[in-house]
Amino acid sequence: MIVGIDIGLKRIGVAVALSNTLVVPSEPILRKNRNQAASDTLKMLKEKGAKTLVVGLPKGGSCEEEMERRIKHFVGLIGFDGDIIYQDEAFSSSEASEIFSDSRDGRFDSVAAMIILKRYLKISL
């Protein structure tokens, strides 16, 4: 099972690859603090039987190095023992807003995670 996540400050969007051609958004993880979020993320990965974790990573922009450091630190806190792959998430939120308009809704974050996972699997939107 391949799971994709989009790490945000308030929520972690989650998407699951049901096959090599079908990706669906899943229930997002609410983020109260990073330790709770990391623990909840690991629990979700175990429940879904994840073997591979695809993590959205922003490329380009003035904060690229800082964001990469923060995201990789958070992924280290998760303690996932499967394969971890970082996928460029550039403009995934913009694409998600074309599909789901309410960015305050947690499902928006999971749609962004779905887009990131589809990019990894090279599935057209």
PDB file of N, CA and C in Angstrom:
ATOM      1  N   MET A   1       0.839  -1.172   0.000  1.00  0.00           N
ATOM      2  CA  MET A   1       0.000   0.000   0.000  1.00  0.00           C
ATOM      3  C   MET A   1       0.889   1.241   0.000  1.00  0.00           C
ATOM      4  N   ILE A   2       0.543   2.215  -0.843  1.00  0.00           N
ATOM      5  CA  ILE A   2       1.269   3.479  -0.911  1.00  0.00           C
ATOM      6  C   ILE A   2       0.362   4.572  -0.363  1.00  0.00           C
ATOM      7  N   VAL A   3       0.889   5.345   0.573  1.00  0.00           N
ATOM      8  CA  VAL A   3       0.157   6.447   1.180  1.00  0.00           C
ATOM      9  C   VAL A   3       0.923   7.735   0.909  1.00  0.00           C
ATOM     10  N   GLY A   4       0.199   8.786   0.567  1.00  0.00           N
ATOM     11  CA  GLY A   4       0.797  10.097   0.356  1.00  0.00           C
ATOM     12  C   GLY A   4       0.312  11.057   1.419  1.00  0.00           C
ATOM     13  N   ILE A   5       1.196  11.968   1.845  1.00  0.00           N
ATOM     14  CA  ILE A   5       0.788  12.983   2.810  1.00  0.00           C
ATOM     15  C   ILE A   5       1.243  14.366   2.361  1.00  0.00           C
ATOM     16  N   ASP A   6       0.441  15.340   2.755  1.00  0.00           N
ATOM     17  CA  ASP A   6       0.753  16.749   2.545  1.00  0.00           C
ATOM     18  C   ASP A   6       0.808  17.363   3.938  1.00  0.00           C
ATOM     19  N   ILE A   7       1.995  17.705   4.397  1.00  0.00           N
ATOM     20  CA  ILE A   7       2.189  18.174   5.767  1.00  0.00           C
ATOM     21  C   ILE A   7       1.920  19.672   5.840  1.00  0.00           C
ATOM     22  N   GLY A   8       0.972  20.028   6.698  1.00  0.00           N
ATOM     23  CA  GLY A   8       0.656  21.428   6.932  1.00  0.00           C
ATOM     24  C   GLY A   8       0.771  21.752   8.409  1.00  0.00           C
ATOM     25  N   LEU A   9       0.604  23.021   8.736  1.00  0.00           N
ATOM     26  CA  LEU A   9       0.723  23.450  10.126  1.00  0.00           C
ATOM     27  C   LEU A   9      -0.500  23.090  10.960  1.00  0.00           C
ATOM     28  N   LYS A  10      -1.679  23.002  10.312  1.00  0.00           N
ATOM     29  CA  LYS A  10      -2.914  22.686  11.034  1.00  0.00           C
ATOM     30  C   LYS A  10      -3.389  21.259  10.799  1.00  0.00           C
ATOM     31  N   ARG A  11      -3.123  20.742   9.599  1.00  0.00           N
ATOM     32  CA  ARG A  11      -3.589  19.405   9.227  1.00  0.00           C
ATOM     33  C   ARG A  11      -2.553  18.723   8.349  1.00  0.00           C
ATOM     34  N   ILE A  12      -2.645  17.400   8.318  1.00  0.00           N
ATOM     35  CA  ILE A  12      -1.838  16.597   7.403  1.00  0.00           C
ATOM     36  C   ILE A  12      -2.825  15.908   6.479  1.00  0.00           C
ATOM     37  N   GLY A  13      -2.765  16.275   5.208  1.00  0.00           N
ATOM     38  CA  GLY A  13      -3.621  15.638   4.228  1.00  0.00           C
ATOM     39  C   GLY A  13      -3.122  14.235   3.947  1.00  0.00           C
ATOM     40  N   VAL A  14      -4.059  13.320   3.716  1.00  0.00           N
ATOM     41  CA  VAL A  14      -3.713  11.913   3.504  1.00  0.00           C
ATOM     42  C   VAL A  14      -4.421  11.402   2.254  1.00  0.00           C
ATOM     43  N   ALA A  15      -3.703  10.666   1.428  1.00  0.00           N
ATOM     44  CA  ALA A  15      -4.286  10.004   0.259  1.00  0.00           C
ATOM     45  C   ALA A  15      -3.715   8.599   0.167  1.00  0.00           C
ATOM     46  N   VAL A  16      -4.504   7.710  -0.433  1.00  0.00           N
ATOM     47  CA  VAL A  16      -4.124   6.303  -0.526  1.00  0.00           C
ATOM     48  C   VAL A  16      -4.223   5.841  -1.975  1.00  0.00           C
ATOM     49  N   ALA A  17      -3.209   5.097  -2.419  1.00  0.00           N
ATOM     50  CA  ALA A  17      -3.251   4.491  -3.751  1.00  0.00           C
ATOM     51  C   ALA A  17      -3.912   3.127  -3.616  1.00  0.00           C
ATOM     52  N   LEU A  18      -5.105   3.001  -4.185  1.00  0.00           N
ATOM     53  CA  LEU A  18      -5.817   1.718  -4.156  1.00  0.00           C
ATOM     54  C   LEU A  18      -5.264   0.771  -5.214  1.00  0.00           C
ATOM     55  N   SER A  19      -4.624   1.357  -6.227  1.00  0.00           N
ATOM     56  CA  SER A  19      -3.946   0.598  -7.278  1.00  0.00           C
ATOM     57  C   SER A  19      -2.930   1.545  -7.908  1.00  0.00           C
ATOM     58  N   ASN A  20      -2.269   1.102  -8.966  1.00  0.00           N
ATOM     59  CA  ASN A  20      -1.320   1.984  -9.658  1.00  0.00           C
ATOM     60  C   ASN A  20      -2.011   3.044 -10.495  1.00  0.00           C
ATOM     61  N   THR A  21      -3.341   2.954 -10.586  1.00  0.00           N
ATOM     62  CA  THR A  21      -4.081   3.924 -11.394  1.00  0.00           C
ATOM     63  C   THR A  21      -5.204   4.625 -10.639  1.00  0.00           C
ATOM     64  N   LEU A  22      -5.398   4.283  -9.362  1.00  0.00           N
ATOM     65  CA  LEU A  22      -6.493   4.879  -8.601  1.00  0.00           C
ATOM     66  C   LEU A  22      -6.000   5.366  -7.244  1.00  0.00           C
ATOM     67  N   VAL A  23      -6.113   6.696  -7.038  1.00  0.00           N
ATOM     68  CA  VAL A  23      -5.719   7.325  -5.783  1.00  0.00           C
ATOM     69  C   VAL A  23      -6.925   8.066  -5.230  1.00  0.00           C
ATOM     70  N   VAL A  24      -7.175   7.904  -3.935  1.00  0.00           N
ATOM     71  CA  VAL A  24      -8.311   8.580  -3.302  1.00  0.00           C
ATOM     72  C   VAL A  24      -7.853   9.339  -2.053  1.00  0.00           C
ATOM     73  N   PRO A  25      -8.482  10.493  -1.795  1.00  0.00           N
ATOM     74  CA  PRO A  25      -8.180  11.198  -0.551  1.00  0.00           C
ATOM     75  C   PRO A  25      -8.733  10.425   0.628  1.00  0.00           C
ATOM     76  N   SER A  26      -8.104  10.582   1.784  1.00  0.00           N
ATOM     77  CA  SER A  26      -8.524   9.901   2.996  1.00  0.00           C
ATOM     78  C   SER A  26      -8.713  10.948   4.098  1.00  0.00           C
ATOM     79  N   GLU A  27      -9.118  10.492   5.261  1.00  0.00           N
ATOM     80  CA  GLU A  27      -9.352  11.398   6.391  1.00  0.00           C
ATOM     81  C   GLU A  27      -8.049  12.106   6.781  1.00  0.00           C
ATOM     82  N   PRO A  28      -8.052  13.452   6.861  1.00  0.00           N
ATOM     83  CA  PRO A  28      -6.836  14.167   7.262  1.00  0.00           C
ATOM     84  C   PRO A  28      -6.542  13.970   8.746  1.00  0.00           C
ATOM     85  N   ILE A  29      -5.328  14.273   9.122  1.00  0.00           N
ATOM     86  CA  ILE A  29      -4.910  14.197  10.518  1.00  0.00           C
ATOM     87  C   ILE A  29      -4.832  15.616  11.052  1.00  0.00           C
ATOM     88  N   LEU A  30      -5.571  15.888  12.123  1.00  0.00           N
ATOM     89  CA  LEU A  30      -5.515  17.205  12.756  1.00  0.00           C
ATOM     90  C   LEU A  30      -4.226  17.303  13.544  1.00  0.00           C
ATOM     91  N   ARG A  31      -3.588  18.454  13.435  1.00  0.00           N
ATOM     92  CA  ARG A  31      -2.281  18.634  14.049  1.00  0.00           C
ATOM     93  C   ARG A  31      -2.389  19.584  15.240  1.00  0.00           C
ATOM     94  N   LYS A  32      -2.310  19.032  16.453  1.00  0.00           N
ATOM     95  CA  LYS A  32      -2.315  19.858  17.668  1.00  0.00           C
ATOM     96  C   LYS A  32      -0.877  20.250  18.011  1.00  0.00           C
ATOM     97  N   ASN A  33       0.023  19.285  17.895  1.00  0.00           N
ATOM     98  CA  ASN A  33       1.461  19.530  18.044  1.00  0.00           C
ATOM     99  C   ASN A  33       2.185  18.463  17.232  1.00  0.00           C
ATOM    100  N   ARG A  34       3.454  18.652  17.021  1.00  0.00           N
ATOM    101  CA  ARG A  34       4.154  17.746  16.102  1.00  0.00           C
ATOM    102  C   ARG A  34       4.276  16.324  16.629  1.00  0.00           C
ATOM    103  N   ASN A  35       4.448  16.151  17.945  1.00  0.00           N
ATOM    104  CA  ASN A  35       4.566  14.791  18.480  1.00  0.00           C
ATOM    105  C   ASN A  35       3.259  14.024  18.341  1.00  0.00           C
ATOM    106  N   GLN A  36       2.137  14.681  18.646  1.00  0.00           N
ATOM    107  CA  GLN A  36       0.827  14.051  18.484  1.00  0.00           C
ATOM    108  C   GLN A  36       0.575  13.734  17.012  1.00  0.00           C
ATOM    109  N   ALA A  37       0.915  14.683  16.141  1.00  0.00           N
ATOM    110  CA  ALA A  37       0.685  14.484  14.715  1.00  0.00           C
ATOM    111  C   ALA A  37       1.544  13.343  14.170  1.00  0.00           C
ATOM    112  N   ALA A  38       2.792  13.262  14.620  1.00  0.00           N
ATOM    113  CA  ALA A  38       3.681  12.176  14.182  1.00  0.00           C
ATOM    114  C   ALA A  38       3.143  10.830  14.660  1.00  0.00           C
ATOM    115  N   SER A  39       2.701  10.773  15.902  1.00  0.00           N
ATOM    116  CA  SER A  39       2.139   9.538  16.456  1.00  0.00           C
ATOM    117  C   SER A  39       0.876   9.121  15.708  1.00  0.00           C
ATOM    118  N   ASP A  40      -0.025  10.080  15.452  1.00  0.00           N
ATOM    119  CA  ASP A  40      -1.258   9.789  14.713  1.00  0.00           C
ATOM    120  C   ASP A  40      -0.963   9.355  13.281  1.00  0.00           C
ATOM    121  N   THR A  41       0.076   9.951  12.687  1.00  0.00           N
ATOM    122  CA  THR A  41       0.445   9.583  11.314  1.00  0.00           C
ATOM    123  C   THR A  41       0.962   8.150  11.273  1.00  0.00           C
ATOM    124  N   LEU A  42       1.825   7.782  12.214  1.00  0.00           N
ATOM    125  CA  LEU A  42       2.334   6.407  12.257  1.00  0.00           C
ATOM    126  C   LEU A  42       1.196   5.417  12.482  1.00  0.00           C
ATOM    127  N   LYS A  43       0.284   5.733  13.372  1.00  0.00           N
ATOM    128  CA  LYS A  43      -0.873   4.869  13.624  1.00  0.00           C
ATOM    129  C   LYS A  43      -1.679   4.666  12.342  1.00  0.00           C
ATOM    130  N   MET A  44      -1.931   5.767  11.605  1.00  0.00           N
ATOM    131  CA  MET A  44      -2.680   5.680  10.351  1.00  0.00           C
ATOM    132  C   MET A  44      -1.931   4.810   9.339  1.00  0.00           C
ATOM    133  N   LEU A  45      -0.613   4.987   9.227  1.00  0.00           N
ATOM    134  CA  LEU A  45       0.178   4.205   8.275  1.00  0.00           C
ATOM    135  C   LEU A  45       0.103   2.708   8.603  1.00  0.00           C
ATOM    136  N   LYS A  46       0.150   2.378   9.879  1.00  0.00           N
ATOM    137  CA  LYS A  46       0.042   0.978  10.291  1.00  0.00           C
ATOM    138  C   LYS A  46      -1.348   0.425   9.988  1.00  0.00           C
ATOM    139  N   GLU A  47      -2.397   1.220  10.282  1.00  0.00           N
ATOM    140  CA  GLU A  47      -3.769   0.782  10.005  1.00  0.00           C
ATOM    141  C   GLU A  47      -3.991   0.521   8.523  1.00  0.00           C
ATOM    142  N   LYS A  48      -3.362   1.319   7.676  1.00  0.00           N
ATOM    143  CA  LYS A  48      -3.547   1.173   6.238  1.00  0.00           C
ATOM    144  C   LYS A  48      -2.595   0.147   5.632  1.00  0.00           C
ATOM    145  N   GLY A  49      -1.662  -0.360   6.432  1.00  0.00           N
ATOM    146  CA  GLY A  49      -0.703  -1.339   5.925  1.00  0.00           C
ATOM    147  C   GLY A  49       0.269  -0.733   4.927  1.00  0.00           C
ATOM    148  N   ALA A  50       0.650   0.504   5.158  1.00  0.00           N
ATOM    149  CA  ALA A  50       1.531   1.221   4.223  1.00  0.00           C
ATOM    150  C   ALA A  50       2.916   0.590   4.163  1.00  0.00           C
ATOM    151  N   LYS A  51       3.403   0.434   2.958  1.00  0.00           N
ATOM    152  CA  LYS A  51       4.773  -0.022   2.719  1.00  0.00           C
ATOM    153  C   LYS A  51       5.637   1.131   2.216  1.00  0.00           C
ATOM    154  N   THR A  52       4.979   2.118   1.571  1.00  0.00           N
ATOM    155  CA  THR A  52       5.661   3.273   1.006  1.00  0.00           C
ATOM    156  C   THR A  52       4.922   4.530   1.422  1.00  0.00           C
ATOM    157  N   LEU A  53       5.679   5.549   1.823  1.00  0.00           N
ATOM    158  CA  LEU A  53       5.134   6.846   2.189  1.00  0.00           C
ATOM    159  C   LEU A  53       5.680   7.883   1.227  1.00  0.00           C
ATOM    160  N   VAL A  54       4.772   8.579   0.536  1.00  0.00           N
ATOM    161  CA  VAL A  54       5.154   9.652  -0.382  1.00  0.00           C
ATOM    162  C   VAL A  54       4.825  10.968   0.318  1.00  0.00           C
ATOM    163  N   VAL A  55       5.842  11.797   0.489  1.00  0.00           N
ATOM    164  CA  VAL A  55       5.703  13.036   1.242  1.00  0.00           C
ATOM    165  C   VAL A  55       5.882  14.226   0.306  1.00  0.00           C
ATOM    166  N   GLY A  56       4.924  15.147   0.345  1.00  0.00           N
ATOM    167  CA  GLY A  56       5.042  16.365  -0.450  1.00  0.00           C
ATOM    168  C   GLY A  56       6.145  17.254   0.081  1.00  0.00           C
ATOM    169  N   LEU A  57       6.993  17.741  -0.824  1.00  0.00           N
ATOM    170  CA  LEU A  57       8.111  18.607  -0.460  1.00  0.00           C
ATOM    171  C   LEU A  57       8.130  19.779  -1.432  1.00  0.00           C
ATOM    172  N   PRO A  58       8.053  21.022  -0.913  1.00  0.00           N
ATOM    173  CA  PRO A  58       8.039  22.177  -1.820  1.00  0.00           C
ATOM    174  C   PRO A  58       9.409  22.402  -2.452  1.00  0.00           C
ATOM    175  N   LYS A  59       9.407  22.601  -3.749  1.00  0.00           N
ATOM    176  CA  LYS A  59      10.647  22.901  -4.480  1.00  0.00           C
ATOM    177  C   LYS A  59      10.555  24.328  -5.008  1.00  0.00           C
ATOM    178  N   GLY A  60      11.661  25.034  -4.965  1.00  0.00           N
ATOM    179  CA  GLY A  60      11.664  26.419  -5.413  1.00  0.00           C
ATOM    180  C   GLY A  60      11.160  27.335  -4.309  1.00  0.00           C
ATOM    181  N   GLY A  61      11.299  28.602  -4.511  1.00  0.00           N
ATOM    182  CA  GLY A  61      10.841  29.556  -3.512  1.00  0.00           C
ATOM    183  C   GLY A  61      11.928  29.896  -2.519  1.00  0.00           C
ATOM    184  N   SER A  62      11.724  30.985  -1.814  1.00  0.00           N
ATOM    185  CA  SER A  62      12.753  31.498  -0.917  1.00  0.00           C
ATOM    186  C   SER A  62      12.923  30.669   0.352  1.00  0.00           C
ATOM    187  N   CYS A  63      11.930  29.904   0.721  1.00  0.00           N
ATOM    188  CA  CYS A  63      11.992  29.125   1.972  1.00  0.00           C
ATOM    189  C   CYS A  63      12.223  27.639   1.728  1.00  0.00           C
ATOM    190  N   GLU A  64      12.673  27.268   0.538  1.00  0.00           N
ATOM    191  CA  GLU A  64      12.784  25.848   0.190  1.00  0.00           C
ATOM    192  C   GLU A  64      13.624  25.056   1.188  1.00  0.00           C
ATOM    193  N   GLU A  65      14.807  25.557   1.535  1.00  0.00           N
ATOM    194  CA  GLU A  65      15.689  24.810   2.434  1.00  0.00           C
ATOM    195  C   GLU A  65      15.079  24.665   3.821  1.00  0.00           C
ATOM    196  N   GLU A  66      14.476  25.732   4.348  1.00  0.00           N
ATOM    197  CA  GLU A  66      13.864  25.681   5.674  1.00  0.00           C
ATOM    198  C   GLU A  66      12.681  24.720   5.691  1.00  0.00           C
ATOM    199  N   MET A  67      11.829  24.770   4.661  1.00  0.00           N
ATOM    200  CA  MET A  67      10.682  23.874   4.593  1.00  0.00           C
ATOM    201  C   MET A  67      11.133  22.422   4.474  1.00  0.00           C
ATOM    202  N   GLU A  68      12.152  22.177   3.674  1.00  0.00           N
ATOM    203  CA  GLU A  68      12.668  20.810   3.530  1.00  0.00           C
ATOM    204  C   GLU A  68      13.192  20.297   4.869  1.00  0.00           C
ATOM    205  N   ARG A  69      13.908  21.136   5.598  1.00  0.00           N
ATOM    206  CA  ARG A  69      14.434  20.748   6.906  1.00  0.00           C
ATOM    207  C   ARG A  69      13.291  20.400   7.864  1.00  0.00           C
ATOM    208  N   ARG A  70      12.262  21.247   7.910  1.00  0.00           N
ATOM    209  CA  ARG A  70      11.135  21.021   8.816  1.00  0.00           C
ATOM    210  C   ARG A  70      10.363  19.750   8.457  1.00  0.00           C
ATOM    211  N   ILE A  71      10.118  19.560   7.173  1.00  0.00           N
ATOM    212  CA  ILE A  71       9.356  18.383   6.732  1.00  0.00           C
ATOM    213  C   ILE A  71      10.145  17.105   7.008  1.00  0.00           C
ATOM    214  N   LYS A  72      11.417  17.100   6.691  1.00  0.00           N
ATOM    215  CA  LYS A  72      12.229  15.899   6.928  1.00  0.00           C
ATOM    216  C   LYS A  72      12.373  15.622   8.432  1.00  0.00           C
ATOM    217  N   HIS A  73      12.433  16.665   9.240  1.00  0.00           N
ATOM    218  CA  HIS A  73      12.469  16.470  10.690  1.00  0.00           C
ATOM    219  C   HIS A  73      11.174  15.814  11.160  1.00  0.00           C
ATOM    220  N   PHE A  74      10.032  16.332  10.675  1.00  0.00           N
ATOM    221  CA  PHE A  74       8.744  15.755  11.060  1.00  0.00           C
ATOM    222  C   PHE A  74       8.644  14.299  10.618  1.00  0.00           C
ATOM    223  N   VAL A  75       9.069  14.008   9.400  1.00  0.00           N
ATOM    224  CA  VAL A  75       9.018  12.625   8.897  1.00  0.00           C
ATOM    225  C   VAL A  75       9.887  11.723   9.774  1.00  0.00           C
ATOM    226  N   GLY A  76      11.014  12.240  10.256  1.00  0.00           N
ATOM    227  CA  GLY A  76      11.855  11.474  11.173  1.00  0.00           C
ATOM    228  C   GLY A  76      11.141  11.163  12.482  1.00  0.00           C
ATOM    229  N   LEU A  77      10.297  12.091  12.952  1.00  0.00           N
ATOM    230  CA  LEU A  77       9.535  11.876  14.183  1.00  0.00           C
ATOM    231  C   LEU A  77       8.491  10.771  14.021  1.00  0.00           C
ATOM    232  N   ILE A  78       8.009  10.576  12.797  1.00  0.00           N
ATOM    233  CA  ILE A  78       6.971   9.563  12.558  1.00  0.00           C
ATOM    234  C   ILE A  78       7.496   8.175  12.898  1.00  0.00           C
ATOM    235  N   GLY A  79       8.746   7.886  12.539  1.00  0.00           N
ATOM    236  CA  GLY A  79       9.323   6.585  12.828  1.00  0.00           C
ATOM    237  C   GLY A  79       8.845   5.481  11.896  1.00  0.00           C
ATOM    238  N   PHE A  80       8.446   5.854  10.685  1.00  0.00           N
ATOM    239  CA  PHE A  80       7.975   4.884   9.695  1.00  0.00           C
ATOM    240  C   PHE A  80       9.148   4.060   9.189  1.00  0.00           C
ATOM    241  N   ASP A  81       8.982   2.718   9.134  1.00  0.00           N
ATOM    242  CA  ASP A  81      10.095   1.867   8.726  1.00  0.00           C
ATOM    243  C   ASP A  81      10.007   1.368   7.291  1.00  0.00           C
ATOM    244  N   GLY A  82       9.052   1.890   6.521  1.00  0.00           N
ATOM    245  CA  GLY A  82       8.956   1.532   5.105  1.00  0.00           C
ATOM    246  C   GLY A  82       9.750   2.510   4.246  1.00  0.00           C
ATOM    247  N   ASP A  83       9.523   2.450   2.952  1.00  0.00           N
ATOM    248  CA  ASP A  83      10.188   3.365   2.022  1.00  0.00           C
ATOM    249  C   ASP A  83       9.571   4.753   2.132  1.00  0.00           C
ATOM    250  N   ILE A  84      10.426   5.777   2.136  1.00  0.00           N
ATOM    251  CA  ILE A  84       9.967   7.162   2.171  1.00  0.00           C
ATOM    252  C   ILE A  84      10.467   7.856   0.913  1.00  0.00           C
ATOM    253  N   ILE A  85       9.534   8.455   0.194  1.00  0.00           N
ATOM    254  CA  ILE A  85       9.860   9.131  -1.052  1.00  0.00           C
ATOM    255  C   ILE A  85       9.356  10.561  -0.960  1.00  0.00           C
ATOM    256  N   TYR A  86      10.206  11.509  -1.351  1.00  0.00           N
ATOM    257  CA  TYR A  86       9.818  12.910  -1.357  1.00  0.00           C
ATOM    258  C   TYR A  86       9.450  13.306  -2.781  1.00  0.00           C
ATOM    259  N   GLN A  87       8.278  13.911  -2.914  1.00  0.00           N
ATOM    260  CA  GLN A  87       7.731  14.278  -4.223  1.00  0.00           C
ATOM    261  C   GLN A  87       7.479  15.784  -4.230  1.00  0.00           C
ATOM    262  N   ASP A  88       7.886  16.434  -5.309  1.00  0.00           N
ATOM    263  CA  ASP A  88       7.646  17.872  -5.452  1.00  0.00           C
ATOM    264  C   ASP A  88       6.150  18.150  -5.339  1.00  0.00           C
ATOM    265  N   GLU A  89       5.807  19.092  -4.451  1.00  0.00           N
ATOM    266  CA  GLU A  89       4.405  19.419  -4.249  1.00  0.00           C
ATOM    267  C   GLU A  89       4.035  20.784  -4.841  1.00  0.00           C
ATOM    268  N   ALA A  90       4.907  21.353  -5.656  1.00  0.00           N
ATOM    269  CA  ALA A  90       4.659  22.684  -6.212  1.00  0.00           C
ATOM    270  C   ALA A  90       3.273  22.773  -6.850  1.00  0.00           C
ATOM    271  N   PHE A  91       2.541  23.795  -6.455  1.00  0.00           N
ATOM    272  CA  PHE A  91       1.209  24.118  -6.972  1.00  0.00           C
ATOM    273  C   PHE A  91       0.138  23.072  -6.668  1.00  0.00           C
ATOM    274  N   SER A  92       0.420  22.110  -5.784  1.00  0.00           N
ATOM    275  CA  SER A  92      -0.601  21.104  -5.463  1.00  0.00           C
ATOM    276  C   SER A  92      -1.805  21.750  -4.778  1.00  0.00           C
ATOM    277  N   SER A  93      -1.580  22.776  -3.972  1.00  0.00           N
ATOM    278  CA  SER A  93      -2.704  23.461  -3.321  1.00  0.00           C
ATOM    279  C   SER A  93      -3.550  24.218  -4.342  1.00  0.00           C
ATOM    280  N   SER A  94      -2.893  24.809  -5.328  1.00  0.00           N
ATOM    281  CA  SER A  94      -3.649  25.496  -6.387  1.00  0.00           C
ATOM    282  C   SER A  94      -4.504  24.505  -7.164  1.00  0.00           C
ATOM    283  N   GLU A  95      -3.927  23.358  -7.484  1.00  0.00           N
ATOM    284  CA  GLU A  95      -4.678  22.327  -8.199  1.00  0.00           C
ATOM    285  C   GLU A  95      -5.814  21.786  -7.326  1.00  0.00           C
ATOM    286  N   ALA A  96      -5.539  21.636  -6.036  1.00  0.00           N
ATOM    287  CA  ALA A  96      -6.572  21.145  -5.119  1.00  0.00           C
ATOM    288  C   ALA A  96      -7.737  22.124  -5.049  1.00  0.00           C
ATOM    289  N   SER A  97      -7.450  23.423  -5.119  1.00  0.00           N
ATOM    290  CA  SER A  97      -8.519  24.422  -5.037  1.00  0.00           C
ATOM    291  C   SER A  97      -9.429  24.377  -6.260  1.00  0.00           C
ATOM    292  N   GLU A  98      -8.942  23.835  -7.367  1.00  0.00           N
ATOM    293  CA  GLU A  98      -9.787  23.665  -8.555  1.00  0.00           C
ATOM    294  C   GLU A  98     -10.759  22.498  -8.364  1.00  0.00           C
ATOM    295  N   ILE A  99     -10.388  21.559  -7.491  1.00  0.00           N
ATOM    296  CA  ILE A  99     -11.218  20.379  -7.236  1.00  0.00           C
ATOM    297  C   ILE A  99     -12.117  20.603  -6.022  1.00  0.00           C
ATOM    298  N   PHE A 100     -11.554  21.223  -4.996  1.00  0.00           N
ATOM    299  CA  PHE A 100     -12.269  21.391  -3.723  1.00  0.00           C
ATOM    300  C   PHE A 100     -12.006  22.813  -3.254  1.00  0.00           C
ATOM    301  N   SER A 101     -13.027  23.640  -3.217  1.00  0.00           N
ATOM    302  CA  SER A 101     -12.824  25.076  -3.035  1.00  0.00           C
ATOM    303  C   SER A 101     -12.576  25.547  -1.605  1.00  0.00           C
ATOM    304  N   ASP A 102     -12.990  24.820  -0.576  1.00  0.00           N
ATOM    305  CA  ASP A 102     -12.874  25.300   0.793  1.00  0.00           C
ATOM    306  C   ASP A 102     -11.562  24.847   1.428  1.00  0.00           C
ATOM    307  N   SER A 103     -10.565  25.738   1.414  1.00  0.00           N
ATOM    308  CA  SER A 103      -9.243  25.369   1.931  1.00  0.00           C
ATOM    309  C   SER A 103      -9.223  25.235   3.454  1.00  0.00           C
ATOM    310  N   ARG A 104     -10.278  25.666   4.146  1.00  0.00           N
ATOM    311  CA  ARG A 104     -10.337  25.517   5.600  1.00  0.00           C
ATOM    312  C   ARG A 104     -10.829  24.128   5.993  1.00  0.00           C
ATOM    313  N   ASP A 105     -11.347  23.407   5.045  1.00  0.00           N
ATOM    314  CA  ASP A 105     -11.866  22.067   5.295  1.00  0.00           C
ATOM    315  C   ASP A 105     -10.699  21.076   5.162  1.00  0.00           C
ATOM    316  N   GLY A 106     -10.571  20.160   6.108  1.00  0.00           N
ATOM    317  CA  GLY A 106      -9.478  19.194   6.090  1.00  0.00           C
ATOM    318  C   GLY A 106      -9.420  18.353   4.834  1.00  0.00           C
ATOM    319  N   ARG A 107     -10.583  18.182   4.188  1.00  0.00           N
ATOM    320  CA  ARG A 107     -10.591  17.386   2.954  1.00  0.00           C
ATOM    321  C   ARG A 107      -9.748  18.050   1.871  1.00  0.00           C
ATOM    322  N   PHE A 108      -9.630  19.371   1.926  1.00  0.00           N
ATOM    323  CA  PHE A 108      -8.795  20.096   0.970  1.00  0.00           C
ATOM    324  C   PHE A 108      -7.357  19.589   1.039  1.00  0.00           C
ATOM    325  N   ASP A 109      -6.842  19.425   2.251  1.00  0.00           N
ATOM    326  CA  ASP A 109      -5.463  18.960   2.439  1.00  0.00           C
ATOM    327  C   ASP A 109      -5.275  17.551   1.898  1.00  0.00           C
ATOM    328  N   SER A 110      -6.296  16.726   2.040  1.00  0.00           N
ATOM    329  CA  SER A 110      -6.212  15.361   1.521  1.00  0.00           C
ATOM    330  C   SER A 110      -6.307  15.335   0.004  1.00  0.00           C
ATOM    331  N   VAL A 111      -7.012  16.300  -0.586  1.00  0.00           N
ATOM    332  CA  VAL A 111      -7.027  16.412  -2.053  1.00  0.00           C
ATOM    333  C   VAL A 111      -5.629  16.807  -2.540  1.00  0.00           C
ATOM    334  N   ALA A 112      -4.966  17.717  -1.816  1.00  0.00           N
ATOM    335  CA  ALA A 112      -3.592  18.084  -2.172  1.00  0.00           C
ATOM    336  C   ALA A 112      -2.677  16.856  -2.061  1.00  0.00           C
ATOM    337  N   ALA A 113      -2.860  16.045  -1.022  1.00  0.00           N
ATOM    338  CA  ALA A 113      -2.069  14.810  -0.867  1.00  0.00           C
ATOM    339  C   ALA A 113      -2.347  13.856  -2.025  1.00  0.00           C
ATOM    340  N   MET A 114      -3.600  13.792  -2.475  1.00  0.00           N
ATOM    341  CA  MET A 114      -3.962  12.951  -3.612  1.00  0.00           C
ATOM    342  C   MET A 114      -3.212  13.405  -4.869  1.00  0.00           C
ATOM    343  N   ILE A 115      -3.120  14.714  -5.072  1.00  0.00           N
ATOM    344  CA  ILE A 115      -2.412  15.251  -6.239  1.00  0.00           C
ATOM    345  C   ILE A 115      -0.930  14.892  -6.165  1.00  0.00           C
ATOM    346  N   ILE A 116      -0.338  15.021  -4.987  1.00  0.00           N
ATOM    347  CA  ILE A 116       1.082  14.675  -4.800  1.00  0.00           C
ATOM    348  C   ILE A 116       1.311  13.197  -5.091  1.00  0.00           C
ATOM    349  N   LEU A 117       0.431  12.344  -4.584  1.00  0.00           N
ATOM    350  CA  LEU A 117       0.573  10.905  -4.802  1.00  0.00           C
ATOM    351  C   LEU A 117       0.359  10.543  -6.274  1.00  0.00           C
ATOM    352  N   LYS A 118      -0.579  11.205  -6.926  1.00  0.00           N
ATOM    353  CA  LYS A 118      -0.788  10.965  -8.360  1.00  0.00           C
ATOM    354  C   LYS A 118       0.441  11.367  -9.165  1.00  0.00           C
ATOM    355  N   ARG A 119       1.089  12.450  -8.779  1.00  0.00           N
ATOM    356  CA  ARG A 119       2.321  12.863  -9.475  1.00  0.00           C
ATOM    357  C   ARG A 119       3.377  11.780  -9.340  1.00  0.00           C
ATOM    358  N   TYR A 120       3.518  11.251  -8.146  1.00  0.00           N
ATOM    359  CA  TYR A 120       4.498  10.198  -7.924  1.00  0.00           C
ATOM    360  C   TYR A 120       4.208   8.979  -8.800  1.00  0.00           C
ATOM    361  N   LEU A 121       2.948   8.611  -8.884  1.00  0.00           N
ATOM    362  CA  LEU A 121       2.549   7.454  -9.674  1.00  0.00           C
ATOM    363  C   LEU A 121       2.400   7.764 -11.164  1.00  0.00           C
ATOM    364  N   LYS A 122       2.564   9.050 -11.494  1.00  0.00           N
ATOM    365  CA  LYS A 122       2.442   9.525 -12.874  1.00  0.00           C
ATOM    366  C   LYS A 122       1.057   9.247 -13.453  1.00  0.00           C
ATOM    367  N   ILE A 123       0.038   9.543 -12.627  1.00  0.00           N
ATOM    368  CA  ILE A 123      -1.354   9.426 -13.052  1.00  0.00           C
ATOM    369  C   ILE A 123      -1.832  10.832 -13.387  1.00  0.00           C
ATOM    370  N   SER A 124      -2.392  11.011 -14.565  1.00  0.00           N
ATOM    371  CA  SER A 124      -2.876  12.341 -14.930  1.00  0.00           C
ATOM    372  C   SER A 124      -4.136  12.661 -14.138  1.00  0.00           C
ATOM    373  N   LEU A 125      -4.290  13.963 -13.865  1.00  0.00           N
ATOM    374  CA  LEU A 125      -5.444  14.403 -13.066  1.00  0.00           C
ATOM    375  C   LEU A 125      -6.660  14.447 -13.855  1.00  0.00           C
TER     376      LEU A 125
END
